[in-house]
Amino acid sequence: MSVMLNEFLSSPVAMRKVINNNKVVIAEIAREFKDRKITNITTVARGTSDNAATYFKYVVEAIGGIMVAKFSPSITTVYGSTVNLKSNMLLAVSQSGMSTDTLMVVETAKKTGALVVGVTNNPESPLAKLCHYHIDLMVDDEKSVSATKTFIAELTAMYLLANKLSEKSAKTNIAEIPPLLDDFLVRKDDLREFARRTLHINNFIVLSRGLLQSVTAELSLKMMECCYKLSRPFSTSEFMHGPISIIEENTIVVMLAPSSEFSQEFVNMATRLSLLGAEIIAFTDIPEVSDIAQHTFAMPACRGMETPFLYTMAVELFVAYSAELHGTNSDSPRNRNKITITK
């Protein structure tokens, strides 16, 4: 068993740690956020952490009505511009807490008066010490070069923070999700077999919508990083605005299609892709999508905010097994270091 796979399997434990150990600091952040009458949030992150920030954007905008923007670090690090973030909370997400560009953005944001919150796996990191508040992911050392349990820990932190910042609470009780993941992991051998049956995929599109946009981006990233398979994520709506032209006979499309507000859109998309000759690989609980797809992994029915966690677990194991079956070293992908320092 690869280190990466073993770390993915410990994701429910990682979730429980984040939930149990960050209640006080998240309550303090929410209190200051509301006391200062902050109306906007800006995120800064890279890679897997940026995918988690995408989830945060969806959740806090959907339940809290709070506008979230993403900061492009080069505005500060290369163009040398100082953006006034006085009325903002800057949310900096970084597994290592050491990325030069993130630190430079945080330093500048603090000078303009922003409330700065850091989310890292290292409370002694430069980022953790620089921020006004720090949310600790507490996933211990990740030995795999690729981010593993970090992602689901970040999703957990993003959900907890979004829920506390919002005037109304989400309907999902996040404490109920780790047991659901434990139950799902019983099917890990089924996912290995699914990875074996779809081992031929290469140069593929990943489609979903809404809350799962973060998961499609993470699946795409991990397949490129660990399996060396070129892919590109799209929302189903965005895909219709031009990229659908790429579809021809045997084009491979991976769909993450849970029953949700977008169920009919997923069915319509699968139908159209099939008519165009695409090969559809679906993670879904929608019978119509399952019937159309050439390969389906039957997902459990999910409710709202819990959906990204279960689909994350599915695609992470899918990537780990795909890498294992391809014979690539998922624990140490080529051309990669554990900590990436960018400017």
C-alpha atoms as a PDB file:
ATOM      1  CA  MET A   1       0.000   0.000   0.000  1.00  0.00           C
ATOM      2  CA  SER A   2       1.355   3.416  -0.948  1.00  0.00           C
ATOM      3  CA  VAL A   3       1.887   6.055   1.706  1.00  0.00           C
ATOM      4  CA  MET A   4      -0.521   8.294  -0.217  1.00  0.00           C
ATOM      5  CA  LEU A   5      -3.280   5.674  -0.114  1.00  0.00           C
ATOM      6  CA  ASN A   6      -2.702   5.025   3.572  1.00  0.00           C
ATOM      7  CA  GLU A   7      -2.958   8.756   4.300  1.00  0.00           C
ATOM      8  CA  PHE A   8      -6.160   9.060   2.273  1.00  0.00           C
ATOM      9  CA  LEU A   9      -7.644   6.256   4.369  1.00  0.00           C
ATOM     10  CA  SER A  10      -6.989   8.278   7.527  1.00  0.00           C
ATOM     11  CA  SER A  11      -9.133  11.204   6.308  1.00  0.00           C
ATOM     12  CA  PRO A  12     -12.010  10.577   8.771  1.00  0.00           C
ATOM     13  CA  VAL A  13      -9.537  10.862  11.640  1.00  0.00           C
ATOM     14  CA  ALA A  14      -8.217  14.123  10.183  1.00  0.00           C
ATOM     15  CA  MET A  15     -11.767  15.502  10.002  1.00  0.00           C
ATOM     16  CA  ARG A  16     -12.456  14.685  13.631  1.00  0.00           C
ATOM     17  CA  LYS A  17      -9.278  16.464  14.758  1.00  0.00           C
ATOM     18  CA  VAL A  18     -10.170  19.664  12.912  1.00  0.00           C
ATOM     19  CA  ILE A  19     -13.729  19.618  14.272  1.00  0.00           C
ATOM     20  CA  ASN A  20     -12.697  18.972  17.868  1.00  0.00           C
ATOM     21  CA  ASN A  21      -9.740  21.339  18.133  1.00  0.00           C
ATOM     22  CA  ASN A  22     -10.698  24.553  16.343  1.00  0.00           C
ATOM     23  CA  LYS A  23     -14.049  25.495  17.897  1.00  0.00           C
ATOM     24  CA  VAL A  24     -12.648  28.262  20.097  1.00  0.00           C
ATOM     25  CA  VAL A  25     -10.515  30.004  17.482  1.00  0.00           C
ATOM     26  CA  ILE A  26     -13.245  29.855  14.841  1.00  0.00           C
ATOM     27  CA  ALA A  27     -15.721  31.398  17.302  1.00  0.00           C
ATOM     28  CA  GLU A  28     -13.192  34.178  18.002  1.00  0.00           C
ATOM     29  CA  ILE A  29     -12.719  34.835  14.273  1.00  0.00           C
ATOM     30  CA  ALA A  30     -16.475  35.049  13.728  1.00  0.00           C
ATOM     31  CA  ARG A  31     -16.882  37.409  16.674  1.00  0.00           C
ATOM     32  CA  GLU A  32     -14.260  39.842  15.377  1.00  0.00           C
ATOM     33  CA  PHE A  33     -15.560  39.521  11.818  1.00  0.00           C
ATOM     34  CA  LYS A  34     -19.014  40.613  12.974  1.00  0.00           C
ATOM     35  CA  ASP A  35     -17.747  43.241  15.440  1.00  0.00           C
ATOM     36  CA  ARG A  36     -15.747  44.904  12.675  1.00  0.00           C
ATOM     37  CA  LYS A  37     -18.752  44.692  10.332  1.00  0.00           C
ATOM     38  CA  ILE A  38     -16.648  43.095   7.609  1.00  0.00           C
ATOM     39  CA  THR A  39     -18.643  42.486   4.458  1.00  0.00           C
ATOM     40  CA  ASN A  40     -16.162  40.811   2.117  1.00  0.00           C
ATOM     41  CA  ILE A  41     -13.672  37.953   2.218  1.00  0.00           C
ATOM     42  CA  THR A  42     -10.634  37.483  -0.014  1.00  0.00           C
ATOM     43  CA  THR A  43      -8.795  34.151  -0.265  1.00  0.00           C
ATOM     44  CA  VAL A  44      -5.194  33.510  -1.240  1.00  0.00           C
ATOM     45  CA  ALA A  45      -3.966  29.968  -1.847  1.00  0.00           C
ATOM     46  CA  ARG A  46      -2.301  27.657  -4.360  1.00  0.00           C
ATOM     47  CA  GLY A  47      -2.966  24.127  -5.624  1.00  0.00           C
ATOM     48  CA  THR A  48      -4.956  21.868  -3.329  1.00  0.00           C
ATOM     49  CA  SER A  49      -5.404  24.699  -0.832  1.00  0.00           C
ATOM     50  CA  ASP A  50      -6.925  26.879  -3.544  1.00  0.00           C
ATOM     51  CA  ASN A  51      -9.356  24.080  -4.366  1.00  0.00           C
ATOM     52  CA  ALA A  52     -10.423  24.059  -0.719  1.00  0.00           C
ATOM     53  CA  ALA A  53     -10.831  27.841  -0.896  1.00  0.00           C
ATOM     54  CA  THR A  54     -13.216  27.315  -3.823  1.00  0.00           C
ATOM     55  CA  TYR A  55     -15.386  25.165  -1.561  1.00  0.00           C
ATOM     56  CA  PHE A  56     -15.310  27.908   1.087  1.00  0.00           C
ATOM     57  CA  LYS A  57     -16.466  30.456  -1.495  1.00  0.00           C
ATOM     58  CA  TYR A  58     -19.483  28.334  -2.443  1.00  0.00           C
ATOM     59  CA  VAL A  59     -20.476  27.595   1.151  1.00  0.00           C
ATOM     60  CA  VAL A  60     -20.141  31.066   2.668  1.00  0.00           C
ATOM     61  CA  GLU A  61     -21.819  32.746  -0.295  1.00  0.00           C
ATOM     62  CA  ALA A  62     -24.640  30.177  -0.361  1.00  0.00           C
ATOM     63  CA  ILE A  63     -25.506  30.187   3.334  1.00  0.00           C
ATOM     64  CA  GLY A  64     -24.085  33.518   4.493  1.00  0.00           C
ATOM     65  CA  GLY A  65     -24.515  35.809   1.513  1.00  0.00           C
ATOM     66  CA  ILE A  66     -20.931  37.015   2.057  1.00  0.00           C
ATOM     67  CA  MET A  67     -19.005  37.946  -1.074  1.00  0.00           C
ATOM     68  CA  VAL A  68     -15.739  36.060  -1.598  1.00  0.00           C
ATOM     69  CA  ALA A  69     -13.002  36.992  -4.062  1.00  0.00           C
ATOM     70  CA  LYS A  70      -9.746  35.234  -4.937  1.00  0.00           C
ATOM     71  CA  PHE A  71      -6.511  37.203  -4.764  1.00  0.00           C
ATOM     72  CA  SER A  72      -3.892  36.798  -7.499  1.00  0.00           C
ATOM     73  CA  PRO A  73      -0.543  36.868  -5.648  1.00  0.00           C
ATOM     74  CA  SER A  74       1.372  38.326  -8.602  1.00  0.00           C
ATOM     75  CA  ILE A  75      -0.549  41.585  -8.105  1.00  0.00           C
ATOM     76  CA  THR A  76       1.577  42.007  -4.968  1.00  0.00           C
ATOM     77  CA  THR A  77       4.675  39.932  -5.672  1.00  0.00           C
ATOM     78  CA  VAL A  78       5.384  40.885  -9.282  1.00  0.00           C
ATOM     79  CA  TYR A  79       3.391  44.010 -10.123  1.00  0.00           C
ATOM     80  CA  GLY A  80       4.087  45.539  -6.734  1.00  0.00           C
ATOM     81  CA  SER A  81       0.580  46.865  -6.245  1.00  0.00           C
ATOM     82  CA  THR A  82      -0.938  47.407  -2.814  1.00  0.00           C
ATOM     83  CA  VAL A  83      -4.610  46.475  -2.821  1.00  0.00           C
ATOM     84  CA  ASN A  84      -6.711  48.050  -0.083  1.00  0.00           C
ATOM     85  CA  LEU A  85      -8.268  45.189   1.872  1.00  0.00           C
ATOM     86  CA  LYS A  86      -9.290  47.231   4.907  1.00  0.00           C
ATOM     87  CA  SER A  87     -12.911  46.104   4.796  1.00  0.00           C
ATOM     88  CA  ASN A  88     -11.951  42.497   4.061  1.00  0.00           C
ATOM     89  CA  MET A  89     -11.017  39.360   5.884  1.00  0.00           C
ATOM     90  CA  LEU A  90      -8.066  37.779   4.094  1.00  0.00           C
ATOM     91  CA  LEU A  91      -8.177  33.978   4.344  1.00  0.00           C
ATOM     92  CA  ALA A  92      -4.737  32.520   3.576  1.00  0.00           C
ATOM     93  CA  VAL A  93      -4.706  28.741   3.109  1.00  0.00           C
ATOM     94  CA  SER A  94      -1.380  26.911   2.886  1.00  0.00           C
ATOM     95  CA  GLN A  95      -0.504  23.390   3.974  1.00  0.00           C
ATOM     96  CA  SER A  96       3.079  24.328   4.845  1.00  0.00           C
ATOM     97  CA  GLY A  97       2.530  27.975   5.756  1.00  0.00           C
ATOM     98  CA  MET A  98       5.796  28.783   3.996  1.00  0.00           C
ATOM     99  CA  SER A  99       4.918  29.943   0.480  1.00  0.00           C
ATOM    100  CA  THR A 100       6.665  33.234  -0.251  1.00  0.00           C
ATOM    101  CA  ASP A 101       3.850  34.678  -2.345  1.00  0.00           C
ATOM    102  CA  THR A 102       1.195  33.952   0.285  1.00  0.00           C
ATOM    103  CA  LEU A 103       3.332  35.530   3.001  1.00  0.00           C
ATOM    104  CA  MET A 104       3.901  38.676   0.926  1.00  0.00           C
ATOM    105  CA  VAL A 105       0.167  39.063   0.284  1.00  0.00           C
ATOM    106  CA  VAL A 106      -0.595  38.620   3.997  1.00  0.00           C
ATOM    107  CA  GLU A 107       2.008  41.194   5.024  1.00  0.00           C
ATOM    108  CA  THR A 108       0.584  43.763   2.607  1.00  0.00           C
ATOM    109  CA  ALA A 109      -3.020  43.001   3.570  1.00  0.00           C
ATOM    110  CA  LYS A 110      -2.242  43.516   7.263  1.00  0.00           C
ATOM    111  CA  LYS A 111      -0.726  46.913   6.496  1.00  0.00           C
ATOM    112  CA  THR A 112      -3.959  47.989   4.788  1.00  0.00           C
ATOM    113  CA  GLY A 113      -6.011  46.922   7.804  1.00  0.00           C
ATOM    114  CA  ALA A 114      -7.380  43.524   6.768  1.00  0.00           C
ATOM    115  CA  LEU A 115      -8.351  40.902   9.327  1.00  0.00           C
ATOM    116  CA  VAL A 116      -6.024  38.033   8.415  1.00  0.00           C
ATOM    117  CA  VAL A 117      -6.795  34.368   9.090  1.00  0.00           C
ATOM    118  CA  GLY A 118      -4.349  31.582   8.271  1.00  0.00           C
ATOM    119  CA  VAL A 119      -5.141  27.924   7.738  1.00  0.00           C
ATOM    120  CA  THR A 120      -2.068  25.675   7.875  1.00  0.00           C
ATOM    121  CA  ASN A 121      -0.814  22.320   9.087  1.00  0.00           C
ATOM    122  CA  ASN A 122       2.035  23.964  10.975  1.00  0.00           C
ATOM    123  CA  PRO A 123       1.268  26.305  13.896  1.00  0.00           C
ATOM    124  CA  GLU A 124       4.967  27.262  14.013  1.00  0.00           C
ATOM    125  CA  SER A 125       5.096  28.258  10.342  1.00  0.00           C
ATOM    126  CA  PRO A 126       5.763  31.855   9.235  1.00  0.00           C
ATOM    127  CA  LEU A 127       2.182  32.183   7.972  1.00  0.00           C
ATOM    128  CA  ALA A 128       0.610  30.925  11.188  1.00  0.00           C
ATOM    129  CA  LYS A 129       2.641  33.418  13.215  1.00  0.00           C
ATOM    130  CA  LEU A 130       1.983  36.317  10.834  1.00  0.00           C
ATOM    131  CA  CYS A 131      -1.818  36.030  10.829  1.00  0.00           C
ATOM    132  CA  HIS A 132      -4.166  37.462  13.445  1.00  0.00           C
ATOM    133  CA  TYR A 133      -5.784  34.036  13.838  1.00  0.00           C
ATOM    134  CA  HIS A 134      -4.642  30.529  12.925  1.00  0.00           C
ATOM    135  CA  ILE A 135      -6.766  27.459  12.196  1.00  0.00           C
ATOM    136  CA  ASP A 136      -4.677  24.314  12.698  1.00  0.00           C
ATOM    137  CA  LEU A 137      -5.355  21.420  10.307  1.00  0.00           C
ATOM    138  CA  MET A 138      -3.654  19.013  12.733  1.00  0.00           C
ATOM    139  CA  VAL A 139      -3.090  16.243  10.187  1.00  0.00           C
ATOM    140  CA  ASP A 140       0.409  15.479  11.541  1.00  0.00           C
ATOM    141  CA  ASP A 141       3.197  14.887   9.040  1.00  0.00           C
ATOM    142  CA  GLU A 142       2.137  14.048   5.510  1.00  0.00           C
ATOM    143  CA  LYS A 143       4.825  11.756   4.139  1.00  0.00           C
ATOM    144  CA  SER A 144       3.384  11.708   0.624  1.00  0.00           C
ATOM    145  CA  VAL A 145       4.595  14.581  -1.557  1.00  0.00           C
ATOM    146  CA  SER A 146       1.044  15.115  -2.846  1.00  0.00           C
ATOM    147  CA  ALA A 147      -1.402  16.681  -0.404  1.00  0.00           C
ATOM    148  CA  THR A 148      -3.586  13.880   0.958  1.00  0.00           C
ATOM    149  CA  LYS A 149      -5.550  14.180   4.192  1.00  0.00           C
ATOM    150  CA  THR A 150      -4.773  17.911   4.057  1.00  0.00           C
ATOM    151  CA  PHE A 151      -7.522  18.484   1.497  1.00  0.00           C
ATOM    152  CA  ILE A 152     -10.339  16.948   3.518  1.00  0.00           C
ATOM    153  CA  ALA A 153      -9.015  18.691   6.638  1.00  0.00           C
ATOM    154  CA  GLU A 154      -9.085  21.990   4.734  1.00  0.00           C
ATOM    155  CA  LEU A 155     -12.634  21.330   3.542  1.00  0.00           C
ATOM    156  CA  THR A 156     -13.606  20.715   7.149  1.00  0.00           C
ATOM    157  CA  ALA A 157     -12.013  23.960   8.317  1.00  0.00           C
ATOM    158  CA  MET A 158     -13.641  25.846   5.442  1.00  0.00           C
ATOM    159  CA  TYR A 159     -17.067  24.492   6.343  1.00  0.00           C
ATOM    160  CA  LEU A 160     -16.716  25.262  10.055  1.00  0.00           C
ATOM    161  CA  LEU A 161     -15.538  28.807   9.395  1.00  0.00           C
ATOM    162  CA  ALA A 162     -18.177  29.521   6.735  1.00  0.00           C
ATOM    163  CA  ASN A 163     -20.922  28.218   8.988  1.00  0.00           C
ATOM    164  CA  LYS A 164     -19.795  30.343  11.945  1.00  0.00           C
ATOM    165  CA  LEU A 165     -19.469  33.507   9.864  1.00  0.00           C
ATOM    166  CA  SER A 166     -22.977  33.154   8.461  1.00  0.00           C
ATOM    167  CA  GLU A 167     -26.104  34.540  10.099  1.00  0.00           C
ATOM    168  CA  LYS A 168     -27.942  31.304   9.374  1.00  0.00           C
ATOM    169  CA  SER A 169     -26.472  27.847   9.856  1.00  0.00           C
ATOM    170  CA  ALA A 170     -26.185  25.171   7.219  1.00  0.00           C
ATOM    171  CA  LYS A 171     -28.438  22.168   7.649  1.00  0.00           C
ATOM    172  CA  THR A 172     -25.563  19.696   7.673  1.00  0.00           C
ATOM    173  CA  ASN A 173     -24.108  18.598  11.021  1.00  0.00           C
ATOM    174  CA  ILE A 174     -20.472  18.136  10.091  1.00  0.00           C
ATOM    175  CA  ALA A 175     -19.865  15.829  13.055  1.00  0.00           C
ATOM    176  CA  GLU A 176     -22.020  13.252  11.251  1.00  0.00           C
ATOM    177  CA  ILE A 177     -19.720  13.140   8.205  1.00  0.00           C
ATOM    178  CA  PRO A 178     -16.683  11.182   9.548  1.00  0.00           C
ATOM    179  CA  PRO A 179     -18.863   8.112  10.291  1.00  0.00           C
ATOM    180  CA  LEU A 180     -20.238   8.353   6.733  1.00  0.00           C
ATOM    181  CA  LEU A 181     -16.666   8.309   5.428  1.00  0.00           C
ATOM    182  CA  ASP A 182     -15.858   5.316   7.632  1.00  0.00           C
ATOM    183  CA  ASP A 183     -18.824   3.476   6.098  1.00  0.00           C
ATOM    184  CA  PHE A 184     -17.779   4.505   2.600  1.00  0.00           C
ATOM    185  CA  LEU A 185     -14.238   3.181   3.070  1.00  0.00           C
ATOM    186  CA  VAL A 186     -15.658  -0.325   3.384  1.00  0.00           C
ATOM    187  CA  ARG A 187     -16.050  -0.108  -0.411  1.00  0.00           C
ATOM    188  CA  LYS A 188     -12.409   0.739  -1.122  1.00  0.00           C
ATOM    189  CA  ASP A 189     -11.859  -2.536  -2.993  1.00  0.00           C
ATOM    190  CA  ASP A 190     -14.738  -1.616  -5.317  1.00  0.00           C
ATOM    191  CA  LEU A 191     -12.947   1.637  -6.102  1.00  0.00           C
ATOM    192  CA  ARG A 192      -9.755  -0.232  -6.881  1.00  0.00           C
ATOM    193  CA  GLU A 193     -11.666  -2.408  -9.354  1.00  0.00           C
ATOM    194  CA  PHE A 194     -13.265   0.722 -10.854  1.00  0.00           C
ATOM    195  CA  ALA A 195      -9.799   2.242 -11.298  1.00  0.00           C
ATOM    196  CA  ARG A 196      -8.665  -0.964 -13.028  1.00  0.00           C
ATOM    197  CA  ARG A 197     -11.614  -0.856 -15.465  1.00  0.00           C
ATOM    198  CA  THR A 198     -10.898   2.787 -16.349  1.00  0.00           C
ATOM    199  CA  LEU A 199      -7.114   2.554 -16.470  1.00  0.00           C
ATOM    200  CA  HIS A 200      -7.106   3.554 -20.141  1.00  0.00           C
ATOM    201  CA  ILE A 201      -8.242   7.131 -19.550  1.00  0.00           C
ATOM    202  CA  ASN A 202      -5.984   9.936 -20.693  1.00  0.00           C
ATOM    203  CA  ASN A 203      -6.536  13.545 -21.794  1.00  0.00           C
ATOM    204  CA  PHE A 204      -9.961  13.811 -20.232  1.00  0.00           C
ATOM    205  CA  ILE A 205     -12.516  16.393 -19.130  1.00  0.00           C
ATOM    206  CA  VAL A 206     -13.942  16.514 -15.579  1.00  0.00           C
ATOM    207  CA  LEU A 207     -17.451  17.921 -15.164  1.00  0.00           C
ATOM    208  CA  SER A 208     -19.664  18.801 -12.225  1.00  0.00           C
ATOM    209  CA  ARG A 209     -21.310  21.894 -10.791  1.00  0.00           C
ATOM    210  CA  GLY A 210     -21.827  23.896  -7.612  1.00  0.00           C
ATOM    211  CA  LEU A 211     -20.259  22.598  -4.410  1.00  0.00           C
ATOM    212  CA  LEU A 212     -18.338  19.913  -6.267  1.00  0.00           C
ATOM    213  CA  GLN A 213     -16.292  22.382  -8.328  1.00  0.00           C
ATOM    214  CA  SER A 214     -13.590  22.131  -5.673  1.00  0.00           C
ATOM    215  CA  VAL A 215     -13.564  18.338  -5.993  1.00  0.00           C
ATOM    216  CA  THR A 216     -13.394  18.331  -9.811  1.00  0.00           C
ATOM    217  CA  ALA A 217     -10.376  20.639  -9.601  1.00  0.00           C
ATOM    218  CA  GLU A 218      -8.723  18.385  -7.019  1.00  0.00           C
ATOM    219  CA  LEU A 219      -9.373  15.245  -9.083  1.00  0.00           C
ATOM    220  CA  SER A 220      -7.856  16.910 -12.143  1.00  0.00           C
ATOM    221  CA  LEU A 221      -4.836  18.130 -10.190  1.00  0.00           C
ATOM    222  CA  LYS A 222      -4.181  14.766  -8.558  1.00  0.00           C
ATOM    223  CA  MET A 223      -4.531  12.799 -11.830  1.00  0.00           C
ATOM    224  CA  MET A 224      -1.957  15.068 -13.480  1.00  0.00           C
ATOM    225  CA  GLU A 225       0.342  15.040 -10.472  1.00  0.00           C
ATOM    226  CA  CYS A 226       0.226  11.360  -9.534  1.00  0.00           C
ATOM    227  CA  CYS A 227      -0.799   9.522 -12.715  1.00  0.00           C
ATOM    228  CA  TYR A 228       0.605  11.962 -15.331  1.00  0.00           C
ATOM    229  CA  LYS A 229      -2.784  12.120 -17.056  1.00  0.00           C
ATOM    230  CA  LEU A 230      -3.722  15.439 -18.644  1.00  0.00           C
ATOM    231  CA  SER A 231      -7.159  16.682 -17.598  1.00  0.00           C
ATOM    232  CA  ARG A 232      -9.200  19.860 -17.264  1.00  0.00           C
ATOM    233  CA  PRO A 233     -12.133  20.562 -14.897  1.00  0.00           C
ATOM    234  CA  PHE A 234     -15.209  22.555 -15.933  1.00  0.00           C
ATOM    235  CA  SER A 235     -18.611  23.314 -14.510  1.00  0.00           C
ATOM    236  CA  THR A 236     -21.312  21.830 -16.723  1.00  0.00           C
ATOM    237  CA  SER A 237     -22.681  25.301 -17.394  1.00  0.00           C
ATOM    238  CA  GLU A 238     -19.287  26.765 -18.330  1.00  0.00           C
ATOM    239  CA  PHE A 239     -18.585  23.757 -20.545  1.00  0.00           C
ATOM    240  CA  MET A 240     -21.533  24.695 -22.729  1.00  0.00           C
ATOM    241  CA  HIS A 241     -19.985  28.113 -23.463  1.00  0.00           C
ATOM    242  CA  GLY A 242     -17.409  26.866 -25.951  1.00  0.00           C
ATOM    243  CA  PRO A 243     -15.365  23.924 -24.574  1.00  0.00           C
ATOM    244  CA  ILE A 244     -18.043  21.403 -25.583  1.00  0.00           C
ATOM    245  CA  SER A 245     -16.674  21.809 -29.114  1.00  0.00           C
ATOM    246  CA  ILE A 246     -13.760  19.593 -28.072  1.00  0.00           C
ATOM    247  CA  ILE A 247     -16.053  16.570 -27.765  1.00  0.00           C
ATOM    248  CA  GLU A 248     -15.786  13.981 -30.524  1.00  0.00           C
ATOM    249  CA  GLU A 249     -16.001  10.209 -30.789  1.00  0.00           C
ATOM    250  CA  ASN A 250     -14.355   8.528 -27.754  1.00  0.00           C
ATOM    251  CA  THR A 251     -13.493  11.751 -25.919  1.00  0.00           C
ATOM    252  CA  ILE A 252     -13.324  10.783 -22.256  1.00  0.00           C
ATOM    253  CA  VAL A 253     -15.435  12.741 -19.770  1.00  0.00           C
ATOM    254  CA  VAL A 254     -15.478  12.073 -16.030  1.00  0.00           C
ATOM    255  CA  MET A 255     -18.686  13.289 -14.396  1.00  0.00           C
ATOM    256  CA  LEU A 256     -19.193  13.867 -10.679  1.00  0.00           C
ATOM    257  CA  ALA A 257     -22.980  13.909 -10.652  1.00  0.00           C
ATOM    258  CA  PRO A 258     -24.749  13.700  -7.290  1.00  0.00           C
ATOM    259  CA  SER A 259     -28.498  14.019  -6.905  1.00  0.00           C
ATOM    260  CA  SER A 260     -28.942  17.709  -6.181  1.00  0.00           C
ATOM    261  CA  GLU A 261     -30.332  20.955  -7.554  1.00  0.00           C
ATOM    262  CA  PHE A 262     -28.371  20.080 -10.712  1.00  0.00           C
ATOM    263  CA  SER A 263     -29.684  16.542 -11.257  1.00  0.00           C
ATOM    264  CA  GLN A 264     -31.586  17.317 -14.447  1.00  0.00           C
ATOM    265  CA  GLU A 265     -28.636  19.316 -15.783  1.00  0.00           C
ATOM    266  CA  PHE A 266     -26.383  16.311 -15.207  1.00  0.00           C
ATOM    267  CA  VAL A 267     -28.838  14.051 -17.028  1.00  0.00           C
ATOM    268  CA  ASN A 268     -29.076  16.489 -19.923  1.00  0.00           C
ATOM    269  CA  MET A 269     -25.303  16.788 -20.140  1.00  0.00           C
ATOM    270  CA  ALA A 270     -24.774  13.027 -20.064  1.00  0.00           C
ATOM    271  CA  THR A 271     -27.390  12.600 -22.802  1.00  0.00           C
ATOM    272  CA  ARG A 272     -25.767  15.197 -25.040  1.00  0.00           C
ATOM    273  CA  LEU A 273     -22.255  13.848 -24.468  1.00  0.00           C
ATOM    274  CA  SER A 274     -23.457  10.361 -25.346  1.00  0.00           C
ATOM    275  CA  LEU A 275     -25.025  11.576 -28.589  1.00  0.00           C
ATOM    276  CA  LEU A 276     -21.707  13.225 -29.477  1.00  0.00           C
ATOM    277  CA  GLY A 277     -19.879   9.935 -28.963  1.00  0.00           C
ATOM    278  CA  ALA A 278     -18.080  10.694 -25.686  1.00  0.00           C
ATOM    279  CA  GLU A 279     -17.048   7.951 -23.291  1.00  0.00           C
ATOM    280  CA  ILE A 280     -18.572   8.851 -19.922  1.00  0.00           C
ATOM    281  CA  ILE A 281     -17.133   7.744 -16.591  1.00  0.00           C
ATOM    282  CA  ALA A 282     -19.526   8.709 -13.816  1.00  0.00           C
ATOM    283  CA  PHE A 283     -19.449   8.913 -10.052  1.00  0.00           C
ATOM    284  CA  THR A 284     -23.163   9.266  -9.422  1.00  0.00           C
ATOM    285  CA  ASP A 285     -26.319   8.158  -7.645  1.00  0.00           C
ATOM    286  CA  ILE A 286     -28.582   9.388 -10.464  1.00  0.00           C
ATOM    287  CA  PRO A 287     -30.039   6.334 -12.299  1.00  0.00           C
ATOM    288  CA  GLU A 288     -30.403   8.131 -15.652  1.00  0.00           C
ATOM    289  CA  VAL A 289     -26.740   9.196 -15.641  1.00  0.00           C
ATOM    290  CA  SER A 290     -25.675   5.721 -14.597  1.00  0.00           C
ATOM    291  CA  ASP A 291     -27.644   4.186 -17.482  1.00  0.00           C
ATOM    292  CA  ILE A 292     -25.988   6.495 -20.036  1.00  0.00           C
ATOM    293  CA  ALA A 293     -22.390   6.221 -18.782  1.00  0.00           C
ATOM    294  CA  GLN A 294     -20.064   3.494 -20.009  1.00  0.00           C
ATOM    295  CA  HIS A 295     -18.550   3.138 -16.546  1.00  0.00           C
ATOM    296  CA  THR A 296     -20.302   4.053 -13.300  1.00  0.00           C
ATOM    297  CA  PHE A 297     -19.219   4.031  -9.696  1.00  0.00           C
ATOM    298  CA  ALA A 298     -22.425   4.022  -7.679  1.00  0.00           C
ATOM    299  CA  MET A 299     -22.165   6.726  -5.049  1.00  0.00           C
ATOM    300  CA  PRO A 300     -24.299   6.848  -1.916  1.00  0.00           C
ATOM    301  CA  ALA A 301     -27.052   9.449  -1.836  1.00  0.00           C
ATOM    302  CA  CYS A 302     -25.716  12.637  -0.251  1.00  0.00           C
ATOM    303  CA  ARG A 303     -27.296  15.724   1.273  1.00  0.00           C
ATOM    304  CA  GLY A 304     -26.077  19.221   0.499  1.00  0.00           C
ATOM    305  CA  MET A 305     -22.848  20.196   2.228  1.00  0.00           C
ATOM    306  CA  GLU A 306     -21.825  16.603   2.998  1.00  0.00           C
ATOM    307  CA  THR A 307     -21.565  15.769  -0.721  1.00  0.00           C
ATOM    308  CA  PRO A 308     -18.052  17.178  -1.352  1.00  0.00           C
ATOM    309  CA  PHE A 309     -16.621  15.110   1.498  1.00  0.00           C
ATOM    310  CA  LEU A 310     -17.899  11.784   0.172  1.00  0.00           C
ATOM    311  CA  TYR A 311     -16.979  12.603  -3.412  1.00  0.00           C
ATOM    312  CA  THR A 312     -13.531  13.725  -2.264  1.00  0.00           C
ATOM    313  CA  MET A 313     -13.024  10.387  -0.579  1.00  0.00           C
ATOM    314  CA  ALA A 314     -14.088   8.588  -3.755  1.00  0.00           C
ATOM    315  CA  VAL A 315     -11.865  10.490  -6.171  1.00  0.00           C
ATOM    316  CA  GLU A 316      -8.843  10.466  -3.887  1.00  0.00           C
ATOM    317  CA  LEU A 317      -8.957   6.693  -3.579  1.00  0.00           C
ATOM    318  CA  PHE A 318      -9.592   6.476  -7.330  1.00  0.00           C
ATOM    319  CA  VAL A 319      -6.397   8.457  -7.972  1.00  0.00           C
ATOM    320  CA  ALA A 320      -4.355   6.423  -5.489  1.00  0.00           C
ATOM    321  CA  TYR A 321      -5.453   3.113  -7.002  1.00  0.00           C
ATOM    322  CA  SER A 322      -4.987   4.418 -10.549  1.00  0.00           C
ATOM    323  CA  ALA A 323      -1.409   5.429  -9.732  1.00  0.00           C
ATOM    324  CA  GLU A 324      -0.740   2.060  -8.132  1.00  0.00           C
ATOM    325  CA  LEU A 325      -2.106   0.172 -11.148  1.00  0.00           C
ATOM    326  CA  HIS A 326      -0.139   2.379 -13.570  1.00  0.00           C
ATOM    327  CA  GLY A 327       3.018   1.726 -11.595  1.00  0.00           C
ATOM    328  CA  THR A 328       3.748   5.397 -10.961  1.00  0.00           C
ATOM    329  CA  ASN A 329       5.267   6.457  -7.653  1.00  0.00           C
ATOM    330  CA  SER A 330       2.399   8.414  -6.163  1.00  0.00           C
ATOM    331  CA  ASP A 331       4.363   9.032  -2.964  1.00  0.00           C
ATOM    332  CA  SER A 332       6.988  11.010  -4.839  1.00  0.00           C
ATOM    333  CA  PRO A 333       5.706  12.308  -8.210  1.00  0.00           C
ATOM    334  CA  ARG A 334       8.389  13.316 -10.671  1.00  0.00           C
ATOM    335  CA  ASN A 335       9.499  16.963 -10.773  1.00  0.00           C
ATOM    336  CA  ARG A 336       7.762  17.702  -7.429  1.00  0.00           C
ATOM    337  CA  ASN A 337       8.763  18.736  -3.931  1.00  0.00           C
ATOM    338  CA  LYS A 338       6.579  18.548  -0.835  1.00  0.00           C
ATOM    339  CA  ILE A 339       6.807  22.288  -0.226  1.00  0.00           C
ATOM    340  CA  THR A 340       6.479  24.524  -3.271  1.00  0.00           C
ATOM    341  CA  ILE A 341       7.880  28.023  -2.896  1.00  0.00           C
ATOM    342  CA  THR A 342       6.535  30.427  -5.523  1.00  0.00           C
ATOM    343  CA  LYS A 343       6.515  34.157  -6.053  1.00  0.00           C
END
